[in-house]
N, C-alpha and C. Protein backbone atom coordinates (compact mmCIF):
# COMPACT_ATOMS: atom_id res chain seq x y z
N MET A 1 0.81 -1.22 0.00
CA MET A 1 0.00 0.00 0.00
C MET A 1 0.84 1.26 0.00
N LEU A 2 2.18 1.12 -0.06
CA LEU A 2 3.08 2.27 0.01
C LEU A 2 2.92 3.15 -1.24
N GLU A 3 2.63 4.44 -1.03
CA GLU A 3 2.44 5.36 -2.14
C GLU A 3 3.47 6.48 -2.18
N VAL A 4 4.12 6.79 -1.06
CA VAL A 4 5.12 7.86 -1.00
C VAL A 4 6.44 7.28 -0.51
N LEU A 5 7.50 7.48 -1.29
CA LEU A 5 8.82 6.95 -0.94
C LEU A 5 9.85 8.06 -1.04
N ARG A 6 10.57 8.32 0.05
CA ARG A 6 11.61 9.35 0.05
C ARG A 6 12.88 8.77 0.66
N ILE A 7 13.97 8.86 -0.08
CA ILE A 7 15.28 8.42 0.39
C ILE A 7 16.23 9.58 0.20
N GLU A 8 16.92 9.99 1.28
CA GLU A 8 17.79 11.15 1.23
C GLU A 8 19.16 10.83 1.84
N ASN A 9 20.21 11.30 1.14
CA ASN A 9 21.57 11.26 1.66
C ASN A 9 22.01 9.86 2.11
N CYS A 10 21.88 8.92 1.18
CA CYS A 10 22.39 7.57 1.39
C CYS A 10 23.40 7.28 0.29
N PRO A 11 24.63 7.81 0.41
CA PRO A 11 25.59 7.77 -0.70
C PRO A 11 26.05 6.38 -1.08
N LYS A 12 25.88 5.38 -0.21
CA LYS A 12 26.34 4.03 -0.53
C LYS A 12 25.23 3.16 -1.12
N LEU A 13 24.02 3.68 -1.17
CA LEU A 13 22.90 2.91 -1.70
C LEU A 13 23.10 2.65 -3.19
N ALA A 14 23.06 1.39 -3.59
CA ALA A 14 23.33 1.02 -4.99
C ALA A 14 22.07 0.76 -5.79
N SER A 15 20.98 0.33 -5.13
CA SER A 15 19.72 0.06 -5.82
C SER A 15 18.60 0.05 -4.80
N ILE A 16 17.37 0.09 -5.28
CA ILE A 16 16.22 0.02 -4.38
C ILE A 16 15.23 -0.99 -4.92
N LEU A 17 14.35 -1.46 -4.05
CA LEU A 17 13.32 -2.40 -4.47
C LEU A 17 12.29 -1.67 -5.32
N VAL A 18 11.78 -2.35 -6.32
CA VAL A 18 10.73 -1.78 -7.16
C VAL A 18 9.39 -2.02 -6.48
N ILE A 19 8.70 -0.94 -6.15
CA ILE A 19 7.38 -1.01 -5.52
C ILE A 19 6.40 -0.35 -6.49
N PRO A 20 5.73 -1.10 -7.33
CA PRO A 20 4.97 -0.53 -8.45
C PRO A 20 3.89 0.45 -8.05
N ILE A 21 3.33 0.34 -6.84
CA ILE A 21 2.19 1.18 -6.46
C ILE A 21 2.59 2.59 -6.07
N VAL A 22 3.91 2.86 -5.91
CA VAL A 22 4.38 4.18 -5.46
C VAL A 22 3.92 5.26 -6.44
N ARG A 23 3.41 6.36 -5.86
CA ARG A 23 2.93 7.49 -6.66
C ARG A 23 3.85 8.71 -6.57
N ASP A 24 4.52 8.87 -5.44
CA ASP A 24 5.39 10.04 -5.22
C ASP A 24 6.74 9.51 -4.73
N MET A 25 7.79 9.71 -5.53
CA MET A 25 9.11 9.17 -5.18
C MET A 25 10.15 10.27 -5.26
N SER A 26 10.96 10.38 -4.21
CA SER A 26 12.05 11.35 -4.15
C SER A 26 13.31 10.63 -3.70
N ILE A 27 14.31 10.59 -4.57
CA ILE A 27 15.57 9.91 -4.29
C ILE A 27 16.68 10.93 -4.48
N VAL A 28 17.24 11.45 -3.38
CA VAL A 28 18.23 12.52 -3.47
C VAL A 28 19.45 12.17 -2.61
N GLY A 29 20.61 12.65 -3.05
CA GLY A 29 21.84 12.42 -2.30
C GLY A 29 22.27 10.98 -2.29
N VAL A 30 22.08 10.27 -3.41
CA VAL A 30 22.46 8.86 -3.49
C VAL A 30 23.54 8.69 -4.55
N HIS A 31 24.07 7.48 -4.64
CA HIS A 31 25.11 7.18 -5.61
C HIS A 31 24.53 7.22 -7.03
N GLY A 32 25.35 7.60 -7.99
CA GLY A 32 24.89 7.72 -9.36
C GLY A 32 24.34 6.42 -9.92
N THR A 33 24.86 5.28 -9.46
CA THR A 33 24.35 4.00 -9.96
C THR A 33 22.90 3.78 -9.57
N THR A 34 22.51 4.33 -8.43
CA THR A 34 21.11 4.21 -8.00
C THR A 34 20.19 4.96 -8.95
N VAL A 35 20.60 6.17 -9.32
CA VAL A 35 19.81 6.98 -10.25
C VAL A 35 19.67 6.25 -11.59
N ASN A 36 20.78 5.72 -12.09
CA ASN A 36 20.72 5.01 -13.36
C ASN A 36 19.85 3.76 -13.27
N PHE A 37 19.90 3.09 -12.11
CA PHE A 37 19.07 1.90 -11.91
C PHE A 37 17.59 2.27 -11.96
N ILE A 38 17.24 3.39 -11.34
CA ILE A 38 15.84 3.80 -11.31
C ILE A 38 15.35 4.16 -12.70
N PHE A 39 16.17 4.90 -13.46
CA PHE A 39 15.76 5.25 -14.81
C PHE A 39 15.64 4.00 -15.69
N MET A 40 16.52 3.03 -15.48
CA MET A 40 16.42 1.80 -16.25
C MET A 40 15.10 1.10 -15.96
N CYS A 41 14.72 1.05 -14.69
CA CYS A 41 13.47 0.41 -14.31
C CYS A 41 12.27 1.16 -14.88
N ILE A 42 12.36 2.50 -14.89
CA ILE A 42 11.27 3.30 -15.47
C ILE A 42 11.10 2.98 -16.94
N ARG A 43 12.23 2.89 -17.65
CA ARG A 43 12.17 2.63 -19.08
C ARG A 43 11.62 1.23 -19.38
N LEU A 44 11.74 0.32 -18.42
CA LEU A 44 11.25 -1.04 -18.60
C LEU A 44 9.83 -1.21 -18.09
N GLY A 45 9.20 -0.11 -17.68
CA GLY A 45 7.79 -0.15 -17.31
C GLY A 45 7.51 -0.24 -15.83
N SER A 46 8.51 -0.12 -14.97
CA SER A 46 8.28 -0.14 -13.52
C SER A 46 7.66 1.19 -13.07
N TRP A 47 7.08 1.20 -11.89
CA TRP A 47 6.44 2.38 -11.30
C TRP A 47 5.45 3.05 -12.25
N PRO A 48 4.47 2.31 -12.74
CA PRO A 48 3.52 2.87 -13.71
C PRO A 48 2.57 3.91 -13.12
N PHE A 49 2.49 3.98 -11.78
CA PHE A 49 1.54 4.90 -11.15
C PHE A 49 2.19 6.19 -10.66
N LEU A 50 3.47 6.39 -10.99
CA LEU A 50 4.17 7.60 -10.53
C LEU A 50 3.48 8.86 -11.01
N VAL A 51 3.25 9.79 -10.07
CA VAL A 51 2.71 11.11 -10.39
C VAL A 51 3.78 12.17 -10.24
N ALA A 52 4.68 11.99 -9.25
CA ALA A 52 5.75 12.96 -9.00
C ALA A 52 7.05 12.21 -8.77
N LEU A 53 8.13 12.71 -9.41
CA LEU A 53 9.44 12.07 -9.30
C LEU A 53 10.52 13.14 -9.14
N THR A 54 11.33 13.01 -8.09
CA THR A 54 12.47 13.89 -7.85
C THR A 54 13.72 13.04 -7.75
N MET A 55 14.75 13.40 -8.55
CA MET A 55 15.99 12.63 -8.57
C MET A 55 17.17 13.57 -8.41
N GLU A 56 18.14 13.17 -7.60
CA GLU A 56 19.34 13.99 -7.44
C GLU A 56 20.55 13.10 -7.17
N SER A 57 21.62 13.35 -7.90
CA SER A 57 22.91 12.74 -7.62
C SER A 57 23.96 13.83 -7.73
N LYS A 58 24.86 13.90 -6.76
CA LYS A 58 25.86 14.96 -6.75
C LYS A 58 27.11 14.59 -7.54
N GLU A 59 27.08 13.44 -8.18
CA GLU A 59 28.23 13.00 -8.96
C GLU A 59 28.16 13.53 -10.39
N ASP A 60 29.31 13.69 -11.00
CA ASP A 60 29.40 14.22 -12.36
C ASP A 60 29.29 13.08 -13.35
N MET A 61 28.10 12.48 -13.42
CA MET A 61 27.86 11.42 -14.38
C MET A 61 26.43 11.56 -14.89
N ALA A 62 26.23 11.22 -16.15
CA ALA A 62 24.93 11.41 -16.78
C ALA A 62 23.86 10.59 -16.07
N MET A 63 22.71 11.22 -15.83
CA MET A 63 21.61 10.51 -15.20
C MET A 63 20.89 9.59 -16.19
N LEU A 64 20.72 10.08 -17.39
CA LEU A 64 19.94 9.33 -18.38
C LEU A 64 20.87 8.55 -19.30
N LEU A 65 21.12 7.31 -18.95
CA LEU A 65 21.94 6.43 -19.76
C LEU A 65 21.04 5.43 -20.47
N LEU A 66 21.44 5.02 -21.65
CA LEU A 66 20.59 4.13 -22.43
C LEU A 66 21.45 3.11 -23.17
N ASP A 67 21.15 1.83 -22.95
CA ASP A 67 21.82 0.78 -23.70
C ASP A 67 21.07 0.54 -25.01
N ALA A 68 21.80 0.09 -26.02
CA ALA A 68 21.19 -0.13 -27.32
C ALA A 68 20.02 -1.12 -27.23
N GLN A 69 20.12 -2.11 -26.31
CA GLN A 69 19.07 -3.11 -26.19
C GLN A 69 17.78 -2.53 -25.63
N GLN A 70 17.86 -1.34 -25.00
CA GLN A 70 16.68 -0.79 -24.34
C GLN A 70 15.93 0.20 -25.22
N ILE A 71 16.43 0.50 -26.40
CA ILE A 71 15.81 1.52 -27.23
C ILE A 71 14.36 1.15 -27.57
N GLN A 72 14.09 -0.14 -27.74
CA GLN A 72 12.75 -0.57 -28.08
C GLN A 72 11.86 -0.79 -26.86
N SER A 73 12.37 -0.48 -25.67
CA SER A 73 11.63 -0.77 -24.45
C SER A 73 11.05 0.46 -23.78
N GLU A 74 10.99 1.58 -24.51
CA GLU A 74 10.52 2.81 -23.91
C GLU A 74 9.01 2.75 -23.67
N ARG A 75 8.58 3.06 -22.45
CA ARG A 75 7.17 3.11 -22.11
C ARG A 75 6.90 4.43 -21.38
N PRO A 76 6.15 5.33 -21.99
CA PRO A 76 5.90 6.61 -21.32
C PRO A 76 5.11 6.42 -20.03
N LEU A 77 5.46 7.24 -19.03
CA LEU A 77 4.74 7.22 -17.76
C LEU A 77 3.52 8.11 -17.91
N GLU A 78 2.38 7.50 -18.14
CA GLU A 78 1.18 8.25 -18.49
C GLU A 78 0.64 9.09 -17.33
N LYS A 79 0.96 8.72 -16.09
CA LYS A 79 0.42 9.45 -14.95
C LYS A 79 1.39 10.49 -14.39
N LEU A 80 2.65 10.46 -14.82
CA LEU A 80 3.65 11.35 -14.25
C LEU A 80 3.39 12.80 -14.68
N GLU A 81 3.21 13.68 -13.68
CA GLU A 81 2.92 15.08 -13.93
C GLU A 81 4.07 16.00 -13.52
N TYR A 82 4.86 15.59 -12.53
CA TYR A 82 5.92 16.44 -11.98
C TYR A 82 7.25 15.70 -12.03
N LEU A 83 8.27 16.35 -12.60
CA LEU A 83 9.60 15.76 -12.69
C LEU A 83 10.63 16.80 -12.28
N ALA A 84 11.47 16.45 -11.30
CA ALA A 84 12.56 17.33 -10.86
C ALA A 84 13.87 16.58 -10.96
N LEU A 85 14.83 17.17 -11.69
CA LEU A 85 16.16 16.59 -11.84
C LEU A 85 17.16 17.56 -11.25
N ARG A 86 17.95 17.10 -10.28
CA ARG A 86 18.88 17.98 -9.58
C ARG A 86 20.24 17.32 -9.52
N GLY A 87 21.27 18.13 -9.75
CA GLY A 87 22.63 17.62 -9.68
C GLY A 87 23.47 18.05 -10.85
N PRO A 88 24.80 17.87 -10.77
CA PRO A 88 25.74 18.36 -11.79
C PRO A 88 25.43 17.87 -13.19
N SER A 89 24.98 16.63 -13.33
CA SER A 89 24.73 16.08 -14.66
C SER A 89 23.28 15.66 -14.82
N SER A 90 22.37 16.39 -14.17
CA SER A 90 20.96 16.06 -14.31
C SER A 90 20.50 16.21 -15.75
N LEU A 91 21.19 17.08 -16.50
CA LEU A 91 20.92 17.21 -17.93
C LEU A 91 22.25 17.49 -18.61
N ASP A 92 22.82 16.48 -19.25
CA ASP A 92 24.15 16.60 -19.84
C ASP A 92 24.03 16.95 -21.31
N THR A 93 24.39 18.18 -21.67
CA THR A 93 24.31 18.61 -23.07
C THR A 93 25.68 18.91 -23.64
N ARG A 94 26.73 18.34 -23.03
CA ARG A 94 28.08 18.63 -23.51
C ARG A 94 28.35 18.01 -24.86
N SER A 95 27.75 16.87 -25.15
CA SER A 95 27.95 16.21 -26.44
C SER A 95 26.66 16.26 -27.24
N GLY A 96 26.78 16.03 -28.54
CA GLY A 96 25.62 16.11 -29.41
C GLY A 96 24.61 15.01 -29.12
N LEU A 97 23.36 15.28 -29.49
CA LEU A 97 22.30 14.33 -29.25
C LEU A 97 22.13 13.40 -30.44
N SER A 98 22.16 12.12 -30.17
CA SER A 98 21.79 11.14 -31.17
C SER A 98 20.37 10.67 -30.85
N ARG A 99 19.80 9.87 -31.72
CA ARG A 99 18.46 9.37 -31.47
C ARG A 99 18.40 8.58 -30.17
N SER A 100 19.43 7.77 -29.92
CA SER A 100 19.43 6.95 -28.72
C SER A 100 19.53 7.79 -27.45
N ARG A 101 20.26 8.92 -27.52
CA ARG A 101 20.39 9.78 -26.33
C ARG A 101 19.08 10.51 -26.04
N LEU A 102 18.27 10.72 -27.05
CA LEU A 102 17.02 11.43 -26.86
C LEU A 102 15.89 10.52 -26.41
N MET A 103 16.00 9.23 -26.68
CA MET A 103 14.93 8.29 -26.39
C MET A 103 14.46 8.30 -24.94
N PRO A 104 15.36 8.35 -23.92
CA PRO A 104 14.87 8.30 -22.54
C PRO A 104 13.88 9.40 -22.21
N TRP A 105 14.03 10.57 -22.84
CA TRP A 105 13.13 11.68 -22.51
C TRP A 105 11.71 11.42 -22.95
N LYS A 106 11.52 10.50 -23.88
CA LYS A 106 10.17 10.21 -24.35
C LYS A 106 9.35 9.48 -23.29
N CYS A 107 10.01 8.97 -22.25
CA CYS A 107 9.27 8.37 -21.13
C CYS A 107 8.46 9.42 -20.38
N PHE A 108 8.86 10.70 -20.51
CA PHE A 108 8.27 11.77 -19.70
C PHE A 108 7.38 12.69 -20.53
N ARG A 109 6.84 12.18 -21.61
CA ARG A 109 6.11 13.04 -22.55
C ARG A 109 4.85 13.66 -21.97
N PHE A 110 4.29 13.08 -20.87
CA PHE A 110 3.07 13.60 -20.28
C PHE A 110 3.33 14.52 -19.09
N VAL A 111 4.60 14.77 -18.77
CA VAL A 111 4.94 15.63 -17.63
C VAL A 111 4.44 17.06 -17.88
N GLU A 112 3.86 17.67 -16.85
CA GLU A 112 3.35 19.03 -16.96
C GLU A 112 4.26 20.05 -16.28
N THR A 113 5.01 19.62 -15.27
CA THR A 113 5.93 20.51 -14.56
C THR A 113 7.32 19.88 -14.54
N LEU A 114 8.31 20.63 -15.03
CA LEU A 114 9.69 20.15 -15.07
C LEU A 114 10.60 21.15 -14.37
N MET A 115 11.42 20.65 -13.44
CA MET A 115 12.39 21.50 -12.76
C MET A 115 13.78 20.89 -12.94
N ILE A 116 14.73 21.71 -13.36
CA ILE A 116 16.13 21.30 -13.49
C ILE A 116 16.95 22.24 -12.63
N ARG A 117 17.72 21.69 -11.71
CA ARG A 117 18.44 22.53 -10.74
C ARG A 117 19.87 22.04 -10.55
N GLY A 118 20.81 23.00 -10.46
CA GLY A 118 22.18 22.69 -10.09
C GLY A 118 22.93 21.88 -11.12
N CYS A 119 22.64 22.10 -12.40
CA CYS A 119 23.28 21.33 -13.46
C CYS A 119 24.38 22.16 -14.11
N ASN A 120 25.64 21.71 -13.98
CA ASN A 120 26.75 22.47 -14.55
C ASN A 120 27.15 21.97 -15.93
N ASN A 121 26.40 21.00 -16.48
CA ASN A 121 26.69 20.50 -17.82
C ASN A 121 25.64 20.94 -18.84
N LEU A 122 24.81 21.89 -18.46
CA LEU A 122 23.79 22.39 -19.37
C LEU A 122 24.40 23.49 -20.23
N VAL A 123 25.22 23.08 -21.20
CA VAL A 123 26.00 24.05 -21.96
C VAL A 123 25.24 24.60 -23.15
N ARG A 124 24.09 24.06 -23.45
CA ARG A 124 23.26 24.61 -24.50
C ARG A 124 21.80 24.53 -24.07
N TRP A 125 20.96 25.32 -24.70
CA TRP A 125 19.54 25.29 -24.36
C TRP A 125 18.95 23.94 -24.80
N PRO A 126 18.24 23.22 -23.91
CA PRO A 126 17.81 21.84 -24.21
C PRO A 126 16.54 21.76 -25.05
N SER A 127 16.56 22.34 -26.25
CA SER A 127 15.36 22.36 -27.10
C SER A 127 14.89 20.97 -27.46
N ASP A 128 15.83 20.08 -27.84
CA ASP A 128 15.44 18.74 -28.27
C ASP A 128 14.79 17.96 -27.13
N GLU A 129 15.39 18.06 -25.94
CA GLU A 129 14.82 17.35 -24.79
C GLU A 129 13.44 17.90 -24.46
N LEU A 130 13.30 19.23 -24.44
CA LEU A 130 12.01 19.83 -24.10
C LEU A 130 10.95 19.50 -25.14
N GLY A 131 11.39 19.24 -26.37
CA GLY A 131 10.45 18.88 -27.42
C GLY A 131 9.76 17.56 -27.19
N CYS A 132 10.28 16.74 -26.26
CA CYS A 132 9.66 15.46 -25.94
C CYS A 132 8.49 15.61 -24.97
N PHE A 133 8.32 16.80 -24.38
CA PHE A 133 7.28 17.02 -23.38
C PHE A 133 6.06 17.62 -24.07
N ASP A 134 5.10 16.78 -24.40
CA ASP A 134 3.95 17.22 -25.17
C ASP A 134 3.00 18.12 -24.37
N ARG A 135 3.02 18.00 -23.03
CA ARG A 135 2.04 18.71 -22.21
C ARG A 135 2.70 19.67 -21.21
N LEU A 136 3.94 20.04 -21.43
CA LEU A 136 4.67 20.83 -20.45
C LEU A 136 4.02 22.20 -20.27
N CYS A 137 3.66 22.52 -19.03
CA CYS A 137 3.04 23.81 -18.70
C CYS A 137 3.97 24.69 -17.88
N VAL A 138 4.77 24.09 -17.01
CA VAL A 138 5.63 24.84 -16.10
C VAL A 138 7.06 24.35 -16.25
N LEU A 139 7.99 25.30 -16.51
CA LEU A 139 9.41 24.98 -16.64
C LEU A 139 10.21 25.87 -15.71
N ARG A 140 10.99 25.24 -14.83
CA ARG A 140 11.86 25.98 -13.90
C ARG A 140 13.29 25.48 -14.07
N ILE A 141 14.19 26.40 -14.35
CA ILE A 141 15.62 26.09 -14.47
C ILE A 141 16.36 26.97 -13.49
N GLU A 142 17.04 26.35 -12.52
CA GLU A 142 17.68 27.09 -11.45
C GLU A 142 19.14 26.68 -11.30
N ASP A 143 20.01 27.66 -11.12
CA ASP A 143 21.42 27.42 -10.79
C ASP A 143 22.08 26.47 -11.78
N CYS A 144 21.86 26.72 -13.07
CA CYS A 144 22.45 25.88 -14.12
C CYS A 144 23.45 26.71 -14.91
N ASP A 145 24.51 26.05 -15.35
CA ASP A 145 25.61 26.74 -16.01
C ASP A 145 25.40 26.77 -17.52
N ILE A 146 24.29 27.39 -17.95
CA ILE A 146 24.04 27.54 -19.38
C ILE A 146 25.09 28.49 -19.94
N GLN A 147 25.82 28.05 -20.95
CA GLN A 147 26.91 28.85 -21.49
C GLN A 147 26.38 29.97 -22.38
N GLU A 148 27.30 30.79 -22.85
CA GLU A 148 26.91 31.97 -23.61
C GLU A 148 26.62 31.63 -25.07
N GLY A 149 25.89 30.58 -25.30
CA GLY A 149 25.51 30.23 -26.66
C GLY A 149 24.37 31.11 -27.14
N ASP A 150 24.16 31.13 -28.46
CA ASP A 150 23.11 31.94 -29.06
C ASP A 150 21.83 31.13 -29.09
N ILE A 151 20.93 31.38 -28.18
CA ILE A 151 19.65 30.68 -28.19
C ILE A 151 18.57 31.56 -28.79
N SER A 152 18.98 32.60 -29.51
CA SER A 152 18.00 33.40 -30.24
C SER A 152 17.73 32.81 -31.61
N SER A 153 18.49 31.76 -31.99
CA SER A 153 18.28 31.09 -33.26
C SER A 153 17.18 30.06 -33.12
N SER A 154 16.88 29.37 -34.21
CA SER A 154 15.82 28.37 -34.20
C SER A 154 16.16 27.19 -33.30
N GLU A 155 17.42 27.09 -32.87
CA GLU A 155 17.83 25.98 -32.01
C GLU A 155 17.39 26.18 -30.56
N GLY A 156 17.12 27.44 -30.18
CA GLY A 156 16.71 27.70 -28.82
C GLY A 156 15.23 27.97 -28.74
N THR A 157 14.44 26.94 -28.46
CA THR A 157 12.99 27.09 -28.48
C THR A 157 12.36 26.59 -27.19
N LEU A 158 11.11 26.98 -26.99
CA LEU A 158 10.32 26.54 -25.86
C LEU A 158 9.09 25.79 -26.37
N PRO A 159 8.58 24.81 -25.61
CA PRO A 159 7.33 24.14 -26.00
C PRO A 159 6.18 25.15 -26.02
N LEU A 160 5.36 25.10 -27.05
CA LEU A 160 4.28 26.07 -27.20
C LEU A 160 3.18 25.88 -26.16
N SER A 161 3.19 24.75 -25.47
CA SER A 161 2.19 24.51 -24.42
C SER A 161 2.53 25.22 -23.12
N LEU A 162 3.71 25.84 -23.03
CA LEU A 162 4.21 26.39 -21.78
C LEU A 162 3.35 27.56 -21.29
N GLU A 163 3.09 27.57 -19.98
CA GLU A 163 2.32 28.63 -19.35
C GLU A 163 3.13 29.40 -18.32
N GLU A 164 4.16 28.79 -17.78
CA GLU A 164 4.97 29.44 -16.75
C GLU A 164 6.44 29.11 -16.98
N LEU A 165 7.28 30.14 -17.03
CA LEU A 165 8.72 29.98 -17.22
C LEU A 165 9.46 30.70 -16.10
N ASP A 166 10.32 29.98 -15.42
CA ASP A 166 11.07 30.52 -14.29
C ASP A 166 12.54 30.15 -14.48
N ILE A 167 13.39 31.15 -14.71
CA ILE A 167 14.82 30.93 -14.88
C ILE A 167 15.55 31.78 -13.85
N SER A 168 16.38 31.17 -13.02
CA SER A 168 17.04 31.93 -11.96
C SER A 168 18.44 31.37 -11.69
N PHE A 169 19.33 32.27 -11.30
CA PHE A 169 20.71 31.93 -10.91
C PHE A 169 21.46 31.19 -12.03
N CYS A 170 21.20 31.56 -13.27
CA CYS A 170 21.96 31.04 -14.41
C CYS A 170 22.89 32.17 -14.86
N LYS A 171 24.07 32.22 -14.28
CA LYS A 171 24.93 33.40 -14.37
C LYS A 171 25.51 33.64 -15.76
N HIS A 172 25.52 32.62 -16.63
CA HIS A 172 26.09 32.79 -17.97
C HIS A 172 25.02 32.97 -19.05
N LEU A 173 23.76 32.94 -18.67
CA LEU A 173 22.69 33.06 -19.66
C LEU A 173 22.63 34.47 -20.22
N VAL A 174 22.79 34.60 -21.54
CA VAL A 174 22.82 35.91 -22.20
C VAL A 174 21.48 36.24 -22.85
N LYS A 175 20.83 35.22 -23.42
CA LYS A 175 19.58 35.45 -24.14
C LYS A 175 18.54 34.42 -23.74
N LEU A 176 17.28 34.80 -23.91
CA LEU A 176 16.17 33.88 -23.70
C LEU A 176 15.77 33.28 -25.05
N PRO A 177 15.07 32.15 -25.03
CA PRO A 177 14.68 31.51 -26.30
C PRO A 177 13.92 32.47 -27.21
N TRP A 178 14.20 32.36 -28.50
CA TRP A 178 13.68 33.32 -29.48
C TRP A 178 12.16 33.26 -29.61
N ASN A 179 11.54 32.08 -29.37
CA ASN A 179 10.11 31.95 -29.61
C ASN A 179 9.27 32.24 -28.38
N LEU A 180 9.85 32.93 -27.40
CA LEU A 180 9.10 33.26 -26.19
C LEU A 180 7.82 34.02 -26.53
N GLY A 181 7.88 34.89 -27.53
CA GLY A 181 6.72 35.68 -27.91
C GLY A 181 5.64 34.89 -28.62
N ASN A 182 5.92 33.63 -28.95
CA ASN A 182 4.94 32.80 -29.64
C ASN A 182 4.05 32.01 -28.70
N LEU A 183 4.31 32.13 -27.40
CA LEU A 183 3.53 31.35 -26.43
C LEU A 183 2.19 32.03 -26.23
N ALA A 184 1.15 31.41 -26.74
CA ALA A 184 -0.17 32.04 -26.75
C ALA A 184 -0.95 31.80 -25.47
N ASN A 185 -0.53 30.81 -24.67
CA ASN A 185 -1.26 30.52 -23.44
C ASN A 185 -0.96 31.57 -22.38
N ARG A 186 -1.84 31.64 -21.41
CA ARG A 186 -1.58 32.53 -20.28
C ARG A 186 -0.25 32.15 -19.66
N ILE A 187 0.64 33.10 -19.46
CA ILE A 187 1.99 32.77 -19.05
C ILE A 187 2.49 33.69 -17.96
N SER A 188 3.30 33.12 -17.09
CA SER A 188 4.01 33.87 -16.06
C SER A 188 5.50 33.74 -16.35
N LEU A 189 6.20 34.86 -16.41
CA LEU A 189 7.62 34.86 -16.74
C LEU A 189 8.42 35.46 -15.59
N TYR A 190 9.38 34.69 -15.09
CA TYR A 190 10.25 35.17 -14.02
C TYR A 190 11.70 34.89 -14.41
N VAL A 191 12.53 35.92 -14.38
CA VAL A 191 13.96 35.79 -14.62
C VAL A 191 14.68 36.48 -13.47
N GLY A 192 15.46 35.73 -12.70
CA GLY A 192 16.10 36.32 -11.52
C GLY A 192 17.56 35.93 -11.40
N SER A 193 18.39 36.86 -11.01
CA SER A 193 19.81 36.62 -10.74
C SER A 193 20.53 36.00 -11.94
N CYS A 194 20.18 36.47 -13.13
CA CYS A 194 20.88 36.08 -14.36
C CYS A 194 21.65 37.31 -14.82
N SER A 195 22.83 37.52 -14.23
CA SER A 195 23.54 38.78 -14.37
C SER A 195 24.09 39.03 -15.78
N ALA A 196 24.20 37.98 -16.61
CA ALA A 196 24.74 38.15 -17.96
C ALA A 196 23.66 38.44 -19.00
N LEU A 197 22.39 38.39 -18.60
CA LEU A 197 21.30 38.61 -19.54
C LEU A 197 21.37 40.01 -20.12
N LYS A 198 21.39 40.12 -21.45
CA LYS A 198 21.59 41.40 -22.11
C LYS A 198 20.30 42.01 -22.64
N ALA A 199 19.36 41.19 -23.06
CA ALA A 199 18.14 41.73 -23.66
C ALA A 199 17.07 40.66 -23.69
N LEU A 200 15.83 41.10 -23.81
CA LEU A 200 14.72 40.18 -24.03
C LEU A 200 14.61 39.93 -25.53
N PRO A 201 14.07 38.78 -25.92
CA PRO A 201 13.98 38.48 -27.35
C PRO A 201 12.97 39.36 -28.06
N ASP A 202 13.15 39.52 -29.37
CA ASP A 202 12.16 40.23 -30.18
C ASP A 202 10.84 39.47 -30.16
N GLY A 203 9.76 40.19 -30.36
CA GLY A 203 8.46 39.54 -30.42
C GLY A 203 7.77 39.38 -29.09
N MET A 204 8.28 40.03 -28.03
CA MET A 204 7.64 39.92 -26.72
C MET A 204 6.20 40.44 -26.74
N CYS A 205 5.89 41.30 -27.71
CA CYS A 205 4.52 41.81 -27.79
C CYS A 205 3.54 40.70 -28.17
N GLY A 206 4.06 39.55 -28.60
CA GLY A 206 3.19 38.42 -28.90
C GLY A 206 2.64 37.74 -27.68
N LEU A 207 3.16 38.08 -26.51
CA LEU A 207 2.68 37.47 -25.26
C LEU A 207 1.40 38.17 -24.81
N THR A 208 0.35 38.01 -25.59
CA THR A 208 -0.90 38.72 -25.32
C THR A 208 -1.61 38.18 -24.08
N SER A 209 -1.24 37.00 -23.62
CA SER A 209 -1.87 36.43 -22.43
C SER A 209 -0.99 36.55 -21.20
N LEU A 210 0.11 37.31 -21.30
CA LEU A 210 1.02 37.46 -20.17
C LEU A 210 0.33 38.12 -18.99
N ARG A 211 0.43 37.48 -17.83
CA ARG A 211 -0.22 38.01 -16.63
C ARG A 211 0.78 38.45 -15.57
N GLU A 212 1.95 37.80 -15.53
CA GLU A 212 2.95 38.16 -14.53
C GLU A 212 4.32 38.23 -15.20
N LEU A 213 5.06 39.29 -14.93
CA LEU A 213 6.41 39.46 -15.46
C LEU A 213 7.29 40.01 -14.35
N MET A 214 8.36 39.26 -14.02
CA MET A 214 9.28 39.72 -12.98
C MET A 214 10.69 39.45 -13.44
N ILE A 215 11.53 40.49 -13.49
CA ILE A 215 12.93 40.36 -13.85
C ILE A 215 13.75 40.99 -12.74
């Protein structure tokens, strides 16, 4: 009958038991192998009832690993609404994306709220990864080392379903995604402690449903 599972600061933990009925799971401060084990189980169809998932590893290793044999085993978590990834390599964009590297994100296509925090390998805007989220409404990116790349081009985009965007403590972020003005849904925009930000993108007048703006 267990529905909520929280494990914190167990650095020697290598794996956990699969309890399919769990709806809210938070695994933080654990060894990177534990994180990879959990994602492997998710991709194989475990924890089908998850609604909220928080994962954190303080090690500099990619969270989303994929073996060639698992490419055909992707099963989206239809009930998952909230996903939080925290840690140095919670989203590793240092190398180019191949089809196999993008596949794990398709497990989260129904997520509505995504938070990425404390990632120092987010060297480019994650347009391809975000494109896997068909229903994303809320995006929060905090304390990530987004480099001074040009995200005003077509490569830096946001999902058109987005309603709330919160970017804070990204000290190298110079520009916001170019299609910000194309978001037709009611939207809240917050940008805080991004000291390198030089300008807002063109087309901001397209945010006709904007209700809250804080910079």
